[in-house]
Each structure stands twice: as C-alpha cells, then as structure tokens.
Amino acid sequence: MNERYSLFSSPAGGVMTREVGAITGELELHSAIDEDGALSLRIRYAGADEWYTVEGGPYRLYDARDHEVLHEILVAMLHRPPA
C-alpha cells in the first residue's frame, strides 16, 4: 500500500468527515492507495490518535502513479485561503 501524510491548516468551514461532521484547525491528511486503485482519505487533528474518513467516495485511481500528485492537490485545495 502506498501512503502519504501532510499537515495543513483547515479552510474556512473545515473539512467534512463522515463520523463527526466538519473539523477545523491544524489537521493531518492521510491518503493511501491499494493494489486495486482504491483510494482512502482520512483526516485527524494534528497530533491526535483518532482518524476520521473524509466525506465522499468511494474513490478509485486507474493509475497508482497519480496518487502522489492527487495528494498534493488535495492538500493545496484544503489549505487555500478563503475567497
């Protein structure tokens, strides 16, 4: 399994999760892709133990090489300042 982790500050309104709704503040994104192309996106408060599933999905990549680029795009989008 290919995994990536990044720390970032949440956007206005936070990041929506399945388990607890929107979370805000300093967050960590974890993305992982398995051999079949299934993509997992989880998020937690920076330094916390509990992970939450990012709302949406299921996600699938048809080329595992896209995982690293997609992870960086997601962090950039989640970290952008309000309009």
N, C-alpha and C. Protein backbone atom coordinates (compact mmCIF):
# COMPACT_ATOMS: atom_id res chain seq x y z
N MET A 1 0.84 -1.17 0.00
CA MET A 1 0.00 0.00 0.00
C MET A 1 0.89 1.24 0.00
N ASN A 2 0.56 2.20 -0.84
CA ASN A 2 1.28 3.45 -0.95
C ASN A 2 0.56 4.49 -0.10
N GLU A 3 1.28 5.15 0.83
CA GLU A 3 0.66 6.09 1.75
C GLU A 3 1.38 7.44 1.74
N ARG A 4 0.62 8.51 2.00
CA ARG A 4 1.17 9.86 2.11
C ARG A 4 0.50 10.56 3.29
N TYR A 5 1.25 11.43 3.97
CA TYR A 5 0.76 12.21 5.10
C TYR A 5 1.17 13.67 4.91
N SER A 6 0.28 14.60 5.26
CA SER A 6 0.62 16.03 5.20
C SER A 6 -0.14 16.79 6.29
N LEU A 7 0.54 17.76 6.88
CA LEU A 7 -0.07 18.67 7.85
C LEU A 7 -0.50 19.94 7.12
N PHE A 8 -1.63 20.53 7.55
CA PHE A 8 -2.11 21.76 6.95
C PHE A 8 -3.12 22.41 7.88
N SER A 9 -3.41 23.69 7.63
CA SER A 9 -4.46 24.41 8.36
C SER A 9 -5.75 24.29 7.57
N SER A 10 -6.84 24.02 8.26
CA SER A 10 -8.12 23.80 7.57
C SER A 10 -8.61 25.06 6.88
N PRO A 11 -9.42 24.89 5.85
CA PRO A 11 -10.05 26.04 5.20
C PRO A 11 -11.19 26.55 6.07
N ALA A 12 -11.74 27.71 5.74
CA ALA A 12 -12.93 28.22 6.43
C ALA A 12 -14.02 27.16 6.30
N GLY A 13 -14.67 26.83 7.38
CA GLY A 13 -15.71 25.81 7.35
C GLY A 13 -15.20 24.42 7.64
N GLY A 14 -13.89 24.22 7.63
CA GLY A 14 -13.29 22.93 7.97
C GLY A 14 -13.36 21.91 6.85
N VAL A 15 -13.09 20.67 7.24
CA VAL A 15 -13.13 19.53 6.33
C VAL A 15 -14.23 18.60 6.82
N MET A 16 -15.16 18.24 5.95
CA MET A 16 -16.30 17.40 6.33
C MET A 16 -15.87 15.94 6.45
N THR A 17 -16.26 15.33 7.58
CA THR A 17 -15.98 13.92 7.81
C THR A 17 -17.29 13.16 7.97
N ARG A 18 -17.24 11.87 7.77
CA ARG A 18 -18.43 11.03 7.93
C ARG A 18 -18.82 10.88 9.40
N GLU A 19 -17.82 10.80 10.26
CA GLU A 19 -18.06 10.44 11.65
C GLU A 19 -18.51 11.61 12.53
N VAL A 20 -17.90 12.79 12.37
CA VAL A 20 -18.15 13.88 13.31
C VAL A 20 -18.50 15.21 12.64
N GLY A 21 -18.75 15.20 11.35
CA GLY A 21 -19.02 16.45 10.64
C GLY A 21 -17.74 17.19 10.33
N ALA A 22 -17.81 18.52 10.30
CA ALA A 22 -16.65 19.33 9.93
C ALA A 22 -15.66 19.43 11.10
N ILE A 23 -14.37 19.33 10.77
CA ILE A 23 -13.32 19.57 11.75
C ILE A 23 -12.44 20.71 11.22
N THR A 24 -11.93 21.51 12.15
CA THR A 24 -11.16 22.69 11.79
C THR A 24 -9.86 22.74 12.57
N GLY A 25 -8.97 23.61 12.16
CA GLY A 25 -7.73 23.82 12.88
C GLY A 25 -6.55 23.21 12.15
N GLU A 26 -5.53 22.85 12.92
CA GLU A 26 -4.36 22.20 12.36
C GLU A 26 -4.69 20.73 12.17
N LEU A 27 -4.64 20.26 10.92
CA LEU A 27 -5.07 18.91 10.58
C LEU A 27 -3.97 18.15 9.86
N GLU A 28 -4.15 16.83 9.79
CA GLU A 28 -3.25 15.96 9.05
C GLU A 28 -4.07 15.12 8.09
N LEU A 29 -3.69 15.11 6.83
CA LEU A 29 -4.34 14.29 5.81
C LEU A 29 -3.52 13.04 5.58
N HIS A 30 -4.19 11.90 5.56
CA HIS A 30 -3.56 10.62 5.21
C HIS A 30 -4.28 10.10 3.98
N SER A 31 -3.53 9.82 2.93
CA SER A 31 -4.12 9.18 1.75
C SER A 31 -3.35 7.90 1.49
N ALA A 32 -4.07 6.89 1.05
CA ALA A 32 -3.46 5.60 0.76
C ALA A 32 -4.16 4.98 -0.44
N ILE A 33 -3.40 4.29 -1.26
CA ILE A 33 -3.97 3.59 -2.40
C ILE A 33 -3.52 2.13 -2.33
N ASP A 34 -4.47 1.21 -2.58
CA ASP A 34 -4.11 -0.21 -2.56
C ASP A 34 -3.84 -0.69 -3.99
N GLU A 35 -3.52 -1.95 -4.12
CA GLU A 35 -3.15 -2.53 -5.41
C GLU A 35 -4.26 -2.45 -6.45
N ASP A 36 -5.51 -2.38 -6.01
CA ASP A 36 -6.66 -2.31 -6.93
C ASP A 36 -7.03 -0.88 -7.31
N GLY A 37 -6.31 0.11 -6.79
CA GLY A 37 -6.59 1.50 -7.11
C GLY A 37 -7.56 2.18 -6.17
N ALA A 38 -8.04 1.45 -5.13
CA ALA A 38 -8.95 2.06 -4.15
C ALA A 38 -8.18 3.09 -3.32
N LEU A 39 -8.72 4.30 -3.25
CA LEU A 39 -8.08 5.40 -2.55
C LEU A 39 -8.80 5.66 -1.24
N SER A 40 -8.04 5.74 -0.16
CA SER A 40 -8.57 6.02 1.17
C SER A 40 -8.10 7.41 1.58
N LEU A 41 -9.04 8.26 2.05
CA LEU A 41 -8.71 9.60 2.54
C LEU A 41 -9.19 9.72 3.97
N ARG A 42 -8.24 9.93 4.89
CA ARG A 42 -8.56 10.10 6.30
C ARG A 42 -7.94 11.38 6.80
N ILE A 43 -8.52 11.91 7.87
CA ILE A 43 -8.03 13.17 8.42
C ILE A 43 -8.13 13.11 9.93
N ARG A 44 -7.24 13.84 10.59
CA ARG A 44 -7.29 13.94 12.05
C ARG A 44 -6.74 15.29 12.47
N TYR A 45 -7.03 15.65 13.73
CA TYR A 45 -6.39 16.82 14.31
C TYR A 45 -4.90 16.50 14.43
N ALA A 46 -4.04 17.46 14.10
CA ALA A 46 -2.60 17.24 14.16
C ALA A 46 -2.20 16.73 15.54
N GLY A 47 -1.51 15.61 15.57
CA GLY A 47 -1.03 15.03 16.82
C GLY A 47 -2.03 14.14 17.55
N ALA A 48 -3.28 14.08 17.06
CA ALA A 48 -4.30 13.24 17.72
C ALA A 48 -4.14 11.78 17.30
N ASP A 49 -4.82 10.90 18.02
CA ASP A 49 -4.78 9.48 17.71
C ASP A 49 -5.89 9.05 16.76
N GLU A 50 -7.05 9.67 16.87
CA GLU A 50 -8.22 9.21 16.12
C GLU A 50 -8.30 9.82 14.73
N TRP A 51 -8.49 8.94 13.73
CA TRP A 51 -8.65 9.34 12.33
C TRP A 51 -10.13 9.33 11.97
N TYR A 52 -10.51 10.23 11.03
CA TYR A 52 -11.87 10.32 10.51
C TYR A 52 -11.83 10.18 9.00
N THR A 53 -12.89 9.62 8.43
CA THR A 53 -12.99 9.45 6.99
C THR A 53 -13.48 10.74 6.35
N VAL A 54 -12.76 11.21 5.33
CA VAL A 54 -13.19 12.40 4.60
C VAL A 54 -14.48 12.06 3.86
N GLU A 55 -15.47 12.94 3.96
CA GLU A 55 -16.78 12.74 3.33
C GLU A 55 -16.61 12.58 1.81
N GLY A 56 -17.40 11.67 1.24
CA GLY A 56 -17.37 11.43 -0.20
C GLY A 56 -16.91 10.02 -0.51
N GLY A 57 -16.68 9.78 -1.77
CA GLY A 57 -16.17 8.49 -2.19
C GLY A 57 -17.26 7.47 -2.40
N PRO A 58 -16.95 6.26 -2.74
CA PRO A 58 -15.59 5.73 -2.78
C PRO A 58 -14.78 6.33 -3.93
N TYR A 59 -13.49 6.33 -3.73
CA TYR A 59 -12.56 6.89 -4.71
C TYR A 59 -11.72 5.78 -5.31
N ARG A 60 -11.42 5.90 -6.59
CA ARG A 60 -10.59 4.91 -7.27
C ARG A 60 -9.70 5.63 -8.27
N LEU A 61 -8.42 5.28 -8.26
CA LEU A 61 -7.48 5.78 -9.26
C LEU A 61 -7.18 4.66 -10.24
N TYR A 62 -7.11 5.00 -11.49
CA TYR A 62 -6.84 3.98 -12.51
C TYR A 62 -5.35 3.81 -12.76
N ASP A 63 -4.56 4.74 -12.24
CA ASP A 63 -3.11 4.64 -12.35
C ASP A 63 -2.53 5.04 -10.99
N ALA A 64 -1.92 4.11 -10.30
CA ALA A 64 -1.39 4.36 -8.96
C ALA A 64 -0.35 5.47 -8.94
N ARG A 65 0.27 5.76 -10.08
CA ARG A 65 1.27 6.83 -10.13
C ARG A 65 0.63 8.20 -9.89
N ASP A 66 -0.70 8.31 -10.04
CA ASP A 66 -1.39 9.57 -9.82
C ASP A 66 -1.58 9.89 -8.33
N HIS A 67 -1.33 8.94 -7.46
CA HIS A 67 -1.58 9.12 -6.03
C HIS A 67 -0.80 10.29 -5.45
N GLU A 68 0.49 10.35 -5.69
CA GLU A 68 1.32 11.41 -5.11
C GLU A 68 0.84 12.79 -5.55
N VAL A 69 0.56 12.94 -6.84
CA VAL A 69 0.10 14.23 -7.37
C VAL A 69 -1.26 14.58 -6.78
N LEU A 70 -2.17 13.62 -6.72
CA LEU A 70 -3.50 13.86 -6.17
C LEU A 70 -3.41 14.29 -4.71
N HIS A 71 -2.57 13.64 -3.94
CA HIS A 71 -2.40 14.00 -2.53
C HIS A 71 -1.98 15.47 -2.41
N GLU A 72 -1.00 15.88 -3.19
CA GLU A 72 -0.52 17.26 -3.13
C GLU A 72 -1.61 18.25 -3.55
N ILE A 73 -2.41 17.91 -4.55
CA ILE A 73 -3.51 18.77 -4.98
C ILE A 73 -4.54 18.90 -3.86
N LEU A 74 -4.88 17.78 -3.21
CA LEU A 74 -5.86 17.82 -2.11
C LEU A 74 -5.38 18.71 -0.97
N VAL A 75 -4.12 18.60 -0.60
CA VAL A 75 -3.60 19.44 0.48
C VAL A 75 -3.66 20.91 0.07
N ALA A 76 -3.28 21.22 -1.16
CA ALA A 76 -3.32 22.60 -1.64
C ALA A 76 -4.75 23.14 -1.62
N MET A 77 -5.71 22.33 -2.02
CA MET A 77 -7.11 22.77 -2.03
C MET A 77 -7.64 22.95 -0.61
N LEU A 78 -7.29 22.05 0.28
CA LEU A 78 -7.78 22.14 1.65
C LEU A 78 -7.11 23.26 2.44
N HIS A 79 -5.95 23.68 2.02
CA HIS A 79 -5.17 24.69 2.73
C HIS A 79 -5.38 26.10 2.16
N ARG A 80 -6.12 26.23 1.07
CA ARG A 80 -6.24 27.55 0.42
C ARG A 80 -7.01 28.53 1.29
N PRO A 81 -6.65 29.81 1.18
CA PRO A 81 -7.34 30.83 1.97
C PRO A 81 -8.74 31.08 1.42
N PRO A 82 -9.62 31.64 2.23
CA PRO A 82 -10.97 31.92 1.75
C PRO A 82 -10.96 32.97 0.64
N ALA A 83 -11.96 32.90 -0.24
CA ALA A 83 -12.04 33.83 -1.38
C ALA A 83 -12.38 35.23 -0.93
